[in-house]
Protein backbone atom coordinates (compact mmCIF):
# COMPACT_ATOMS: atom_id res chain seq x y z
CA UNK A 1 -23.80 32.00 -5.76
CA UNK A 2 -20.43 33.80 -5.73
CA UNK A 3 -17.87 32.45 -8.13
CA UNK A 4 -14.86 30.87 -6.47
CA UNK A 5 -12.50 32.74 -8.77
CA UNK A 6 -13.60 36.08 -7.25
CA UNK A 7 -11.94 35.29 -3.91
CA UNK A 8 -8.46 36.57 -3.15
CA UNK A 9 -6.29 33.47 -3.23
CA UNK A 10 -2.63 32.62 -3.36
CA UNK A 11 -1.26 32.63 -6.94
CA UNK A 12 -1.72 29.43 -8.91
CA UNK A 13 -0.61 28.27 -12.33
CA UNK A 14 -2.50 28.44 -15.62
CA UNK A 15 -4.78 25.58 -14.56
CA UNK A 16 -6.73 27.81 -12.13
CA UNK A 17 -9.80 28.28 -14.42
CA UNK A 18 -10.18 24.50 -14.59
CA UNK A 19 -9.80 24.17 -10.81
CA UNK A 20 -12.47 26.72 -10.02
CA UNK A 21 -14.95 25.35 -12.59
CA UNK A 22 -14.59 21.81 -11.31
CA UNK A 23 -14.90 22.92 -7.71
CA UNK A 24 -18.16 24.73 -8.36
CA UNK A 25 -19.48 21.79 -10.36
CA UNK A 26 -18.62 19.21 -7.67
CA UNK A 27 -20.04 21.17 -4.75
CA UNK A 28 -23.23 22.20 -6.54
CA UNK A 29 -24.05 18.77 -7.92
CA UNK A 30 -23.37 16.53 -4.92
CA UNK A 31 -25.92 18.08 -2.55
CA UNK A 32 -23.34 18.18 0.22
CA UNK A 33 -25.18 20.48 2.63
CA UNK A 34 -28.25 22.48 3.46
CA UNK A 35 -27.95 26.03 4.76
CA UNK A 36 -29.46 26.69 8.17
CA UNK A 37 -29.33 29.56 10.68
CA UNK A 38 -27.33 29.23 13.87
CA UNK A 39 -30.37 30.26 15.98
CA UNK A 40 -32.38 27.40 14.52
CA UNK A 41 -29.66 24.93 15.49
CA UNK A 42 -29.79 25.90 19.12
CA UNK A 43 -33.61 25.85 19.16
CA UNK A 44 -33.82 22.39 17.60
CA UNK A 45 -31.16 20.87 19.83
CA UNK A 46 -31.93 22.61 23.12
CA UNK A 47 -34.05 19.75 24.40
CA UNK A 48 -31.73 17.04 23.05
CA UNK A 49 -28.40 18.41 24.13
CA UNK A 50 -27.62 20.33 27.31
CA UNK A 51 -24.56 21.78 25.63
CA UNK A 52 -26.48 23.08 22.62
CA UNK A 53 -25.25 26.64 23.21
CA UNK A 54 -21.71 25.45 22.55
CA UNK A 55 -22.62 24.26 19.03
CA UNK A 56 -21.99 27.67 17.49
CA UNK A 57 -18.38 27.56 18.66
CA UNK A 58 -17.86 24.02 17.40
CA UNK A 59 -18.63 24.43 13.72
CA UNK A 60 -16.17 22.88 11.34
CA UNK A 61 -14.17 25.48 9.50
CA UNK A 62 -12.53 24.78 6.17
CA UNK A 63 -9.77 25.33 3.68
CA UNK A 64 -9.32 24.18 0.12
CA UNK A 65 -6.74 21.68 -1.07
CA UNK A 66 -6.22 21.05 -4.77
CA UNK A 67 -4.21 18.08 -6.01
CA UNK A 68 -2.92 16.64 -9.23
CA UNK A 69 -3.09 12.86 -9.27
CA UNK A 70 -0.12 10.95 -10.63
CA UNK A 71 -0.74 9.59 -14.11
CA UNK A 72 1.10 7.44 -16.61
CA UNK A 73 1.71 10.39 -18.93
CA UNK A 74 1.47 14.17 -19.01
CA UNK A 75 -1.64 13.96 -21.15
CA UNK A 76 -3.40 11.70 -18.66
CA UNK A 77 -2.30 14.00 -15.84
CA UNK A 78 -4.15 16.88 -17.48
CA UNK A 79 -7.32 14.79 -17.51
CA UNK A 80 -6.78 13.67 -13.93
CA UNK A 81 -7.05 17.07 -12.24
CA UNK A 82 -8.86 16.47 -9.01
CA UNK A 83 -10.26 18.77 -6.40
CA UNK A 84 -10.70 18.02 -2.75
CA UNK A 85 -12.70 19.96 -0.24
CA UNK A 86 -11.14 19.63 3.17
CA UNK A 87 -12.36 20.94 6.48
CA UNK A 88 -10.32 21.81 9.50
CA UNK A 89 -11.18 22.53 13.11
CA UNK A 90 -12.17 26.09 13.99
CA UNK A 91 -9.81 25.87 16.93
CA UNK A 92 -6.86 26.12 14.54
CA UNK A 93 -7.69 29.44 12.89
CA UNK A 94 -5.75 29.88 9.71
CA UNK A 95 -6.36 31.87 6.57
CA UNK A 96 -7.68 30.20 3.44
CA UNK A 97 -4.86 28.39 1.67
CA UNK A 98 -4.68 26.90 -1.79
CA UNK A 99 -2.02 24.26 -2.34
CA UNK A 100 -0.90 22.58 -5.53
CA UNK A 101 0.48 19.20 -4.51
CA UNK A 102 1.09 15.74 -5.90
CA UNK A 103 -1.23 13.28 -4.22
CA UNK A 104 0.67 10.16 -3.22
CA UNK A 105 -1.36 7.28 -1.92
CA UNK A 106 0.22 4.80 0.48
CA UNK A 107 0.07 1.67 -1.68
CA UNK A 108 -1.41 -1.67 -0.71
CA UNK A 109 1.42 -4.22 -0.68
CA UNK A 110 -1.26 -6.77 -1.60
CA UNK A 111 -1.32 -5.55 -5.22
CA UNK A 112 1.40 -8.06 -6.17
CA UNK A 113 -0.88 -10.92 -5.17
CA UNK A 114 -3.70 -9.83 -7.44
CA UNK A 115 -1.38 -9.00 -10.32
CA UNK A 116 0.15 -12.46 -10.02
CA UNK A 117 -3.31 -13.99 -10.15
CA UNK A 118 -4.26 -11.86 -13.16
CA UNK A 119 -1.19 -13.08 -15.05
CA UNK A 120 -2.11 -16.68 -14.26
CA UNK A 121 -5.57 -16.09 -15.73
CA UNK A 122 -4.18 -14.14 -18.72
CA UNK A 123 -6.78 -11.61 -17.66
CA UNK A 124 -7.34 -7.98 -18.58
CA UNK A 125 -6.46 -5.29 -16.05
CA UNK A 126 -8.54 -2.11 -16.27
CA UNK A 127 -7.96 0.95 -14.06
CA UNK A 128 -10.49 3.62 -13.13
CA UNK A 129 -10.78 6.48 -10.68
CA UNK A 130 -13.86 7.66 -8.76
CA UNK A 131 -13.91 11.45 -8.82
CA UNK A 132 -14.53 13.12 -5.43
CA UNK A 133 -15.20 9.68 -3.93
CA UNK A 134 -15.68 10.77 -0.31
CA UNK A 135 -18.43 13.20 -1.33
CA UNK A 136 -20.65 10.18 -2.09
CA UNK A 137 -20.69 8.98 1.51
CA UNK A 138 -23.89 9.66 3.44
CA UNK A 139 -23.39 10.90 7.01
CA UNK A 140 -25.22 9.32 9.95
CA UNK A 141 -24.26 12.09 12.41
CA UNK A 142 -25.33 15.73 12.56
CA UNK A 143 -22.40 17.95 11.58
CA UNK A 144 -22.47 21.70 10.96
CA UNK A 145 -19.92 23.74 9.05
CA UNK A 146 -19.16 27.41 8.48
CA UNK A 147 -19.99 28.31 4.88
CA UNK A 148 -16.90 28.10 2.63
CA UNK A 149 -15.60 31.36 1.11
CA UNK A 150 -17.16 31.97 -2.28
CA UNK A 151 -20.26 29.90 -1.48
CA UNK A 152 -21.98 32.04 1.16
CA UNK A 153 -25.75 32.37 1.27
CA UNK A 154 -27.88 34.39 3.68
CA UNK A 155 -26.24 36.30 6.50
CA UNK A 156 -23.51 35.87 9.07
CA UNK A 157 -25.56 33.47 11.19
CA UNK A 158 -26.18 31.03 8.33
CA UNK A 159 -24.17 27.79 8.49
CA UNK A 160 -24.16 24.51 6.56
CA UNK A 161 -25.67 21.27 7.82
CA UNK A 162 -23.71 18.49 6.13
CA UNK A 163 -25.72 15.78 4.39
CA UNK A 164 -22.73 13.98 2.87
CA UNK A 165 -19.12 13.43 3.86
CA UNK A 166 -16.32 15.83 3.03
CA UNK A 167 -12.62 15.13 2.71
CA UNK A 168 -11.01 15.51 6.12
CA UNK A 169 -13.93 14.23 8.21
CA UNK A 170 -13.05 11.24 10.33
CA UNK A 171 -16.29 9.60 9.23
CA UNK A 172 -15.60 10.13 5.51
CA UNK A 173 -13.61 6.93 4.71
CA UNK A 174 -16.11 4.67 6.45
CA UNK A 175 -19.09 6.48 4.91
CA UNK A 176 -17.58 6.09 1.43
CA UNK A 177 -16.81 2.40 1.91
CA UNK A 178 -20.33 1.74 3.23
CA UNK A 179 -21.87 3.49 0.21
CA UNK A 180 -19.56 1.68 -2.22
CA UNK A 181 -20.19 -1.74 -0.71
CA UNK A 182 -23.96 -1.21 -0.76
CA UNK A 183 -23.96 -0.22 -4.44
CA UNK A 184 -21.62 -3.06 -5.45
CA UNK A 185 -23.77 -5.63 -3.66
CA UNK A 186 -26.75 -4.41 -5.69
CA UNK A 187 -24.66 -5.12 -8.82
CA UNK A 188 -24.06 -8.71 -7.70
CA UNK A 189 -20.67 -8.32 -6.04
CA UNK A 190 -19.65 -10.04 -2.82
CA UNK A 191 -17.12 -8.54 -0.42
CA UNK A 192 -14.14 -10.75 0.26
CA UNK A 193 -13.71 -11.89 3.84
CA UNK A 194 -9.94 -11.95 3.40
CA UNK A 195 -9.54 -8.40 2.04
CA UNK A 196 -12.01 -5.58 2.65
CA UNK A 197 -10.91 -3.88 -0.56
CA UNK A 198 -11.70 -6.86 -2.81
CA UNK A 199 -15.14 -7.39 -4.36
CA UNK A 200 -16.01 -10.41 -6.50
CA UNK A 201 -18.87 -11.08 -8.87
CA UNK A 202 -19.04 -14.80 -9.55
CA UNK A 203 -20.20 -16.09 -12.93
CA UNK A 204 -21.41 -19.45 -14.15
CA UNK A 205 -17.82 -20.36 -15.01
CA UNK A 206 -14.50 -19.26 -13.53
CA UNK A 207 -13.72 -17.30 -16.66
CA UNK A 208 -16.87 -15.23 -16.07
CA UNK A 209 -15.74 -14.01 -12.65
CA UNK A 210 -15.04 -10.30 -12.20
CA UNK A 211 -12.66 -9.04 -9.51
CA UNK A 212 -12.79 -5.42 -8.37
CA UNK A 213 -9.95 -4.16 -6.19
CA UNK A 214 -10.63 -0.80 -4.52
CA UNK A 215 -8.17 1.40 -2.66
CA UNK A 216 -9.96 4.58 -1.56
CA UNK A 217 -10.98 6.01 -4.96
CA UNK A 218 -8.71 3.95 -7.22
CA UNK A 219 -10.20 0.83 -8.77
CA UNK A 220 -8.62 -2.12 -10.58
CA UNK A 221 -10.91 -4.42 -12.58
CA UNK A 222 -9.67 -7.93 -13.34
CA UNK A 223 -11.62 -9.98 -15.89
CA UNK A 224 -10.97 -12.71 -18.39
CA UNK A 225 -9.82 -11.47 -21.79
CA UNK A 226 -12.85 -13.27 -23.30
CA UNK A 227 -15.27 -11.46 -21.00
CA UNK A 228 -15.16 -8.00 -22.61
CA UNK A 229 -18.94 -7.60 -22.90
CA UNK A 230 -19.35 -8.10 -19.17
CA UNK A 231 -16.55 -5.61 -18.52
CA UNK A 232 -18.15 -2.91 -20.67
CA UNK A 233 -21.52 -3.52 -19.03
CA UNK A 234 -19.99 -3.23 -15.56
CA UNK A 235 -18.21 0.01 -16.43
CA UNK A 236 -21.49 1.44 -17.68
CA UNK A 237 -23.27 0.44 -14.48
CA UNK A 238 -20.60 1.97 -12.27
CA UNK A 239 -20.58 5.18 -14.33
CA UNK A 240 -24.35 5.52 -13.79
CA UNK A 241 -23.82 5.47 -10.01
CA UNK A 242 -20.53 7.33 -9.52
CA UNK A 243 -18.59 9.92 -11.46
CA UNK A 244 -15.83 7.68 -12.81
CA UNK A 245 -12.81 8.38 -14.97
CA UNK A 246 -12.06 5.30 -17.08
CA UNK A 247 -8.27 5.00 -17.58
CA UNK A 248 -8.43 1.93 -19.81
CA UNK A 249 -5.79 -0.77 -19.53
CA UNK A 250 -3.95 -0.48 -16.23
CA UNK A 251 -0.42 0.81 -16.75
CA UNK A 252 -0.03 2.69 -13.49
CA UNK A 253 -1.79 1.82 -10.23
CA UNK A 254 -1.10 3.12 -6.71
CA UNK A 255 2.37 4.29 -7.64
CA UNK A 256 3.29 1.02 -9.35
CA UNK A 257 3.92 0.56 -13.04
CA UNK A 258 2.36 -2.44 -14.78
CA UNK A 259 3.94 -3.59 -18.05
CA UNK A 260 2.67 -6.56 -19.99
CA UNK A 261 4.16 -8.66 -22.78
CA UNK A 262 1.41 -10.85 -24.18
CA UNK A 263 3.76 -12.57 -26.64
CA UNK A 264 6.06 -13.77 -23.86
CA UNK A 265 3.06 -14.11 -21.48
CA UNK A 266 4.78 -12.07 -18.76
CA UNK A 267 3.71 -9.20 -16.56
CA UNK A 268 6.13 -6.84 -14.79
CA UNK A 269 5.39 -4.85 -11.64
CA UNK A 270 7.90 -2.07 -10.97
CA UNK A 271 8.46 1.44 -9.57
CA UNK A 272 11.07 2.80 -11.94
CA UNK A 273 9.61 6.30 -12.03
CA UNK A 274 9.38 6.59 -8.25
CA UNK A 275 12.94 5.28 -7.88
CA UNK A 276 14.29 7.88 -10.29
CA UNK A 277 12.38 10.66 -8.53
CA UNK A 278 13.89 9.53 -5.23
CA UNK A 279 17.39 9.46 -6.70
CA UNK A 280 16.94 12.92 -8.23
CA UNK A 281 15.67 14.31 -4.94
CA UNK A 282 18.89 13.32 -3.17
CA UNK A 283 21.18 14.06 -6.15
CA UNK A 284 22.11 10.40 -6.62
CA UNK A 285 20.79 9.84 -10.15
CA UNK A 286 24.29 9.97 -11.68
CA UNK A 287 26.08 8.25 -8.80
CA UNK A 288 28.31 5.24 -9.22
CA UNK A 289 26.14 2.21 -8.52
CA UNK A 290 26.70 -0.62 -6.04
CA UNK A 291 26.12 -4.31 -6.56
CA UNK A 292 24.61 -5.02 -3.11
CA UNK A 293 22.16 -3.02 -0.96
CA UNK A 294 24.24 -3.45 2.22
CA UNK A 295 27.78 -4.58 2.88
CA UNK A 296 28.25 -7.90 4.68
CA UNK A 297 30.99 -6.32 6.82
CA UNK A 298 28.67 -3.63 8.17
CA UNK A 299 27.22 -3.90 11.68
CA UNK A 300 24.69 -1.19 12.50
CA UNK A 301 24.57 0.07 16.09
CA UNK A 302 22.94 2.85 18.10
CA UNK A 303 26.22 4.35 19.23
CA UNK A 304 27.92 6.84 16.95
CA UNK A 305 28.13 10.50 16.00
CA UNK A 306 24.64 11.98 15.99
CA UNK A 307 23.18 13.06 12.64
CA UNK A 308 21.85 16.59 12.10
CA UNK A 309 18.26 15.66 11.24
CA UNK A 310 17.37 19.28 10.40
CA UNK A 311 19.73 19.15 7.46
CA UNK A 312 19.59 15.43 6.68
CA UNK A 313 15.97 14.22 6.44
CA UNK A 314 16.66 10.68 7.60
CA UNK A 315 13.08 9.72 8.51
CA UNK A 316 11.79 11.08 5.22
CA UNK A 317 14.12 9.02 3.07
CA UNK A 318 13.51 5.88 5.13
CA UNK A 319 9.77 6.33 4.61
CA UNK A 320 10.28 6.48 0.84
CA UNK A 321 12.50 3.39 0.91
CA UNK A 322 9.92 1.50 2.97
CA UNK A 323 7.38 2.35 0.28
CA UNK A 324 9.63 0.71 -2.30
CA UNK A 325 10.49 -2.32 -0.19
CA UNK A 326 6.90 -3.38 0.55
CA UNK A 327 5.62 -2.92 -3.01
CA UNK A 328 8.05 -4.08 -5.68
CA UNK A 329 11.57 -4.27 -4.23
CA UNK A 330 11.87 -7.19 -1.77
CA UNK A 331 15.64 -7.18 -2.37
CA UNK A 332 16.03 -4.07 -0.19
CA UNK A 333 13.59 -5.14 2.54
CA UNK A 334 16.28 -6.25 5.02
CA UNK A 335 18.50 -3.18 4.54
CA UNK A 336 15.57 -0.77 4.88
CA UNK A 337 14.18 -2.61 7.90
CA UNK A 338 17.56 -2.46 9.64
CA UNK A 339 17.94 1.27 8.94
CA UNK A 340 14.37 1.99 10.04
CA UNK A 341 15.21 0.90 13.59
CA UNK A 342 17.24 4.07 14.08
CA UNK A 343 14.82 6.77 12.87
CA UNK A 344 14.56 8.35 16.33
CA UNK A 345 18.30 8.81 16.86
CA UNK A 346 20.18 8.28 13.57
CA UNK A 347 23.94 8.58 13.31
CA UNK A 348 26.26 9.50 10.44
CA UNK A 349 26.92 5.79 9.91
CA UNK A 350 23.21 5.23 9.28
CA UNK A 351 23.09 8.10 6.77
CA UNK A 352 26.15 6.81 4.89
CA UNK A 353 24.56 3.35 4.75
CA UNK A 354 21.38 4.88 3.38
CA UNK A 355 23.32 6.68 0.65
CA UNK A 356 25.01 3.38 -0.23
CA UNK A 357 21.56 1.83 -0.56
CA UNK A 358 20.56 4.61 -2.96
CA UNK A 359 23.63 3.78 -5.06
CA UNK A 360 22.36 0.21 -5.28
CA UNK A 361 18.97 1.49 -6.41
CA UNK A 362 20.72 3.65 -9.00
CA UNK A 363 22.22 0.56 -10.64
CA UNK A 364 18.95 -1.43 -10.39
CA UNK A 365 16.33 1.25 -11.04
CA UNK A 366 14.90 -0.76 -13.97
CA UNK A 367 14.31 -3.81 -11.79
CA UNK A 368 10.83 -5.24 -11.28
CA UNK A 369 8.98 -8.43 -10.35
CA UNK A 370 8.26 -10.57 -13.40
CA UNK A 371 5.26 -12.91 -13.31
CA UNK A 372 4.70 -15.67 -15.82
CA UNK A 373 8.31 -16.71 -16.32
CA UNK A 374 7.64 -20.05 -14.62
CA UNK A 375 4.66 -22.35 -14.13
CA UNK A 376 4.43 -23.19 -10.47
CA UNK A 377 1.97 -23.28 -7.60
CA UNK A 378 2.10 -21.10 -4.52
CA UNK A 379 5.09 -21.94 -2.35
CA UNK A 380 6.59 -20.41 0.79
CA UNK A 381 10.00 -20.08 2.45
CA UNK A 382 10.85 -18.97 5.99
CA UNK A 383 14.11 -18.35 7.78
CA UNK A 384 15.74 -16.27 10.52
CA UNK A 385 19.17 -15.12 11.53
CA UNK A 386 20.34 -15.60 15.11
CA UNK A 387 20.87 -12.59 17.41
CA UNK A 388 21.67 -10.37 14.45
CA UNK A 389 20.71 -7.09 16.10
CA UNK A 390 23.84 -5.81 17.85
CA UNK A 391 21.95 -3.65 20.36
CA UNK A 392 19.15 -5.97 21.53
CA UNK A 393 20.50 -9.36 20.35
CA UNK A 394 17.10 -10.11 18.86
CA UNK A 395 16.78 -12.03 15.62
CA UNK A 396 15.21 -11.13 12.27
CA UNK A 397 12.33 -13.15 10.84
CA UNK A 398 11.96 -13.41 7.09
CA UNK A 399 9.49 -15.16 4.83
CA UNK A 400 8.35 -15.03 1.23
CA UNK A 401 5.54 -16.59 -0.82
CA UNK A 402 5.83 -16.90 -4.58
CA UNK A 403 3.36 -17.75 -7.30
CA UNK A 404 3.71 -17.96 -11.06
CA UNK A 405 7.41 -17.17 -10.89
CA UNK A 406 7.25 -13.97 -8.80
CA UNK A 407 7.06 -12.99 -5.14
CA UNK A 408 3.56 -12.07 -3.98
CA UNK A 409 4.13 -11.62 -0.24
CA UNK A 410 7.25 -11.07 1.84
CA UNK A 411 8.42 -9.76 5.20
CA UNK A 412 11.61 -8.88 7.05
CA UNK A 413 10.95 -8.04 10.68
CA UNK A 414 12.75 -8.03 14.02
CA UNK A 415 11.42 -10.66 16.41
CA UNK A 416 9.70 -9.33 19.55
CA UNK A 417 11.75 -11.40 22.01
CA UNK A 418 15.29 -12.70 22.43
CA UNK A 419 15.66 -16.36 21.44
CA UNK A 420 17.94 -18.79 23.21
CA UNK A 421 18.82 -21.03 20.27
CA UNK A 422 18.78 -21.14 16.48
CA UNK A 423 16.06 -23.80 16.67
CA UNK A 424 13.84 -21.46 18.67
CA UNK A 425 14.51 -18.62 16.24
CA UNK A 426 13.49 -20.73 13.24
CA UNK A 427 10.42 -22.03 15.09
CA UNK A 428 9.24 -18.49 15.81
CA UNK A 429 9.91 -17.55 12.20
CA UNK A 430 7.77 -20.46 11.03
CA UNK A 431 4.93 -19.29 13.25
CA UNK A 432 4.99 -15.83 11.64
CA UNK A 433 5.09 -17.32 8.15
CA UNK A 434 2.16 -19.65 8.87
CA UNK A 435 0.00 -16.68 9.88
CA UNK A 436 0.54 -15.21 6.43
CA UNK A 437 0.07 -18.61 4.80
CA UNK A 438 -3.34 -19.06 6.40
CA UNK A 439 -4.44 -15.65 5.16
CA UNK A 440 -3.19 -16.45 1.65
CA UNK A 441 -5.17 -19.71 1.66
CA UNK A 442 -8.27 -17.76 2.61
CA UNK A 443 -7.65 -15.23 -0.14
CA UNK A 444 -6.91 -18.00 -2.64
CA UNK A 445 -10.35 -19.47 -2.01
CA UNK A 446 -11.94 -16.13 -2.95
CA UNK A 447 -9.82 -16.04 -6.12
CA UNK A 448 -10.81 -19.61 -7.09
CA UNK A 449 -7.33 -20.96 -6.48
CA UNK A 450 -7.03 -24.52 -5.18
CA UNK A 451 -4.49 -24.57 -2.36
CA UNK A 452 -5.17 -27.65 -0.28
CA UNK A 453 -1.81 -27.85 1.47
CA UNK A 454 0.65 -24.99 1.17
CA UNK A 455 4.24 -26.22 0.92
CA UNK A 456 6.79 -24.30 2.97
CA UNK A 457 10.54 -24.72 3.19
CA UNK A 458 12.87 -24.23 6.17
CA UNK A 459 16.60 -24.88 6.56
CA UNK A 460 16.58 -25.95 10.22
CA UNK A 461 15.99 -29.65 10.89
CA UNK A 462 15.37 -29.10 14.60
CA UNK A 463 12.50 -26.67 14.08
CA UNK A 464 10.91 -28.95 11.45
CA UNK A 465 10.95 -31.87 13.89
CA UNK A 466 9.50 -29.61 16.57
CA UNK A 467 6.68 -28.65 14.20
CA UNK A 468 5.89 -32.23 13.23
CA UNK A 469 6.25 -33.79 16.67
CA UNK A 470 4.85 -31.54 19.43
CA UNK A 471 6.92 -32.81 22.33
CA UNK A 472 7.60 -30.64 25.37
CA UNK A 473 11.27 -30.69 26.30
CA UNK A 474 13.69 -28.59 28.29
CA UNK A 475 14.69 -26.82 25.06
CA UNK A 476 11.19 -25.93 23.89
CA UNK A 477 8.85 -25.73 26.88
CA UNK A 478 9.67 -22.06 27.52
CA UNK A 479 8.57 -20.97 24.02
CA UNK A 480 5.50 -18.76 24.19
CA UNK A 481 2.13 -20.38 23.53
CA UNK A 482 1.45 -17.82 20.77
CA UNK A 483 3.96 -19.65 18.57
CA UNK A 484 2.57 -23.15 19.16
CA UNK A 485 -0.56 -22.71 17.05
CA UNK A 486 1.59 -23.58 14.03
CA UNK A 487 1.78 -27.20 15.22
CA UNK A 488 -1.99 -27.50 15.03
CA UNK A 489 -2.01 -26.13 11.48
CA UNK A 490 0.66 -28.62 10.41
CA UNK A 491 -1.32 -31.48 11.98
CA UNK A 492 -4.43 -30.36 10.08
CA UNK A 493 -2.55 -30.49 6.82
CA UNK A 494 -3.10 -26.81 6.02
CA UNK A 495 0.66 -26.25 5.71
CA UNK A 496 3.51 -28.66 5.21
CA UNK A 497 7.16 -28.03 6.06
CA UNK A 498 10.04 -29.50 4.10
CA UNK A 499 13.80 -29.14 4.46
CA UNK A 500 15.72 -26.80 2.19
CA UNK A 501 19.50 -26.52 2.19
CA UNK A 502 21.04 -23.25 3.33
CA UNK A 503 22.63 -22.75 -0.09
CA UNK A 504 19.19 -22.68 -1.72
CA UNK A 505 17.37 -20.75 1.00
CA UNK A 506 15.74 -17.80 -0.77
CA UNK A 507 14.81 -15.99 2.45
CA UNK A 508 18.43 -15.22 3.31
CA UNK A 509 17.84 -11.99 1.40
CA UNK A 510 15.38 -10.94 4.16
CA UNK A 511 17.51 -11.83 7.18
CA UNK A 512 21.07 -10.74 6.46
CA UNK A 513 23.35 -8.83 4.12
CA UNK A 514 24.51 -11.04 1.24
CA UNK A 515 27.40 -11.32 -1.16
CA UNK A 516 26.73 -10.66 -4.85
CA UNK A 517 26.48 -14.33 -5.87
CA UNK A 518 23.86 -15.27 -3.27
CA UNK A 519 22.00 -11.99 -3.81
CA UNK A 520 21.66 -12.68 -7.53
CA UNK A 521 20.37 -16.20 -6.82
CA UNK A 522 17.74 -14.90 -4.39
CA UNK A 523 16.63 -12.14 -6.77
CA UNK A 524 16.20 -14.65 -9.57
CA UNK A 525 14.09 -16.94 -7.37
CA UNK A 526 11.90 -13.98 -6.36
CA UNK A 527 11.32 -13.05 -9.99
CA UNK A 528 13.30 -9.81 -9.75
CA UNK A 529 14.82 -8.87 -13.09
CA UNK A 530 16.12 -5.83 -14.92
CA UNK A 531 13.71 -5.70 -17.84
CA UNK A 532 14.63 -2.51 -19.75
CA UNK A 533 18.32 -2.88 -20.25
CA UNK A 534 21.16 -1.59 -18.13
CA UNK A 535 20.78 1.87 -16.58
CA UNK A 536 23.35 4.61 -16.68
CA UNK A 537 26.40 4.49 -14.44
CA UNK A 538 28.95 1.78 -13.75
CA UNK A 539 28.69 -0.60 -10.85
CA UNK A 540 30.97 -0.39 -7.85
CA UNK A 541 31.69 -3.64 -6.06
């Protein structure tokens, strides 16, 4: 077999010998394909497929993509070199390209829920990575591929018949998940009905339970601190099936940093490094900070001087801010959601507001969600503004669920229809929150949490009465049936709504811009704290 390093490729850095060695090792060992002649393909499929002659023109062509996975330190990054083999359609003929990129996974916003549960159990968090995960998936379809450069055998008419999935195939994610689930079930795990990425192995006691959270090829093991023998045994079993890199105690997972203080019994989930990278990218790392993410006097509208999107990457920065807002920074969820409505036609006002938001992040870059600071059960809040969107006059729904002192689920979203009263707005907001509450109750059952009735708080007396007493009136009979299911759930006792004064309504942070005093109150109730001291730069009011 020809060595990969003998091919003429674009220049790489000093790591190229490691890349090529690992590539050859991965492809040779996995048994990804069998070589077969093109003539044989047409002969074997002539009777099965009338279009067999077209097979030769439909082979999958390929290019190579090398990535460096993000790690907690430079030393771990060296050990985390990862190679991916990606195919592309022959219709888009391009020369072989080698790229050195930083692989960024879109994080699961559900991580906060599992981290909150882990803190409640005082459990150990162990991270691991499955090397070349997609190459383990077994294909059910017949797929042929042109031989990759550097791995040719035979003549020009010889192609590869894929036996296993490759990165880039549409079938690859499903094939990998099917293989993973099958192997985990043989090890005694059960797939959660609430979350397809959660696998649970139940023990004789609750402390013996093992939770495995999987996101593509990244794994997070959650076990009791007294269950180390079971953890080591499980790691050994997984290593015998897949090629796994054990990263030890989880300090960095899916772009989020996990810091634990066992003396204070707290756990912090943050994205300080990502925030600083974002600030550096837009030259805002040394900017004068702001105390609020968005001014209360600001009213965003469509009209205004158009922004030059070729020079100002508005959609790109909004995507990065969305990443922050759904993972560890609920305090910017409203501001980012409002700015995201104008990604198609942004104006200079929208860009200036975005830069102001970055200044707020500059002064709060060390902020994270702290779990363990309070002992409390799961509780929810829901609220909505009224006709806050200046262009459509639609309202914004907001809700949050907290457990063990920190937010585990939150949302700030524009309602799909225009409401005719504040009572209707709050009623629709409650319906959205109850959908999430029902899912959390289902997930809680898998995590051995007892949540008989989930308490929720609302600051509108009219909507609470409407939820408790389902009476059709001139003010409520026009509300869509899709929102009325919440009444049934209240009657069943699955959720319970109580009144909360507007002054103590935590969800105001998700529905409107706030003054500093109310913002600080809401952040404290959500468990958001600056945990590494004050960052550089003064704060601008």
